[in-house]
């Protein structure tokens, strides 16, 4: 029984980590467009998409991956 509970706990933790990492991977497909970031983030079920997209766009602009507007 202990092994079963350990396996279930590990699988649950892996599933939670997998769900947590999905949003950034999908949202990075938006390039340099704030509007596209919001659309992708919202479609992926993200919360606080405006804050997320603002932060990520600023990071991309700081690293010169996107031109500053």
Protein backbone atom coordinates (compact mmCIF):
# COMPACT_ATOMS: atom_id res chain seq x y z
CA UNK A 1 0.00 0.00 0.00
CA UNK A 2 2.86 2.36 0.79
CA UNK A 3 4.40 1.82 -2.64
CA UNK A 4 1.08 2.55 -4.29
CA UNK A 5 0.68 5.84 -2.41
CA UNK A 6 4.26 6.79 -3.22
CA UNK A 7 3.67 6.12 -6.91
CA UNK A 8 0.45 8.12 -6.90
CA UNK A 9 2.18 11.02 -5.16
CA UNK A 10 5.06 11.01 -7.64
CA UNK A 11 2.71 10.84 -10.61
CA UNK A 12 0.60 13.68 -9.22
CA UNK A 13 3.69 15.82 -8.71
CA UNK A 14 4.87 15.11 -12.26
CA UNK A 15 1.46 16.01 -13.66
CA UNK A 16 1.38 19.30 -11.74
CA UNK A 17 4.87 20.20 -12.93
CA UNK A 18 3.89 19.34 -16.51
CA UNK A 19 0.83 21.58 -16.37
CA UNK A 20 2.86 24.39 -14.84
CA UNK A 21 5.43 24.28 -17.65
CA UNK A 22 2.91 24.22 -20.51
CA UNK A 23 1.99 27.90 -20.42
CA UNK A 24 5.44 29.40 -20.97
CA UNK A 25 6.16 26.98 -23.79
CA UNK A 26 2.98 27.89 -25.63
CA UNK A 27 3.12 31.57 -24.88
CA UNK A 28 6.64 31.86 -26.29
CA UNK A 29 5.27 31.11 -29.78
CA UNK A 30 3.89 34.65 -29.96
CA UNK A 31 7.10 36.32 -31.07
CA UNK A 32 7.12 40.06 -30.34
CA UNK A 33 3.37 40.75 -30.44
CA UNK A 34 1.72 41.66 -27.14
CA UNK A 35 -1.74 40.96 -28.59
CA UNK A 36 -0.72 37.50 -29.81
CA UNK A 37 0.79 36.75 -26.40
CA UNK A 38 -2.50 37.64 -24.72
CA UNK A 39 -4.45 35.48 -27.16
CA UNK A 40 -2.18 32.44 -26.73
CA UNK A 41 -2.02 32.85 -22.94
CA UNK A 42 -5.79 33.19 -22.59
CA UNK A 43 -6.43 30.24 -24.90
CA UNK A 44 -4.05 28.13 -22.79
CA UNK A 45 -6.17 28.99 -19.75
CA UNK A 46 -3.61 31.27 -18.16
CA UNK A 47 -4.44 33.77 -15.48
CA UNK A 48 -2.83 37.20 -15.15
CA UNK A 49 -1.98 37.12 -18.86
CA UNK A 50 -1.58 40.89 -19.09
CA UNK A 51 1.11 40.94 -16.41
CA UNK A 52 2.79 37.84 -17.86
CA UNK A 53 2.90 39.23 -21.41
CA UNK A 54 4.13 42.65 -20.28
CA UNK A 55 6.97 41.06 -18.32
CA UNK A 56 7.96 38.63 -21.08
CA UNK A 57 7.89 41.32 -23.78
CA UNK A 58 10.09 43.56 -21.63
CA UNK A 59 12.53 40.67 -21.14
CA UNK A 60 12.64 40.04 -24.89
CA UNK A 61 13.22 43.73 -25.56
CA UNK A 62 15.99 43.89 -22.95
CA UNK A 63 17.76 40.90 -24.52
CA UNK A 64 17.36 42.50 -27.97
CA UNK A 65 15.26 39.55 -29.19
CA UNK A 66 12.49 42.05 -29.97
CA UNK A 67 12.80 45.70 -30.96
CA UNK A 68 11.73 48.24 -28.34
CA UNK A 69 8.59 50.09 -29.30
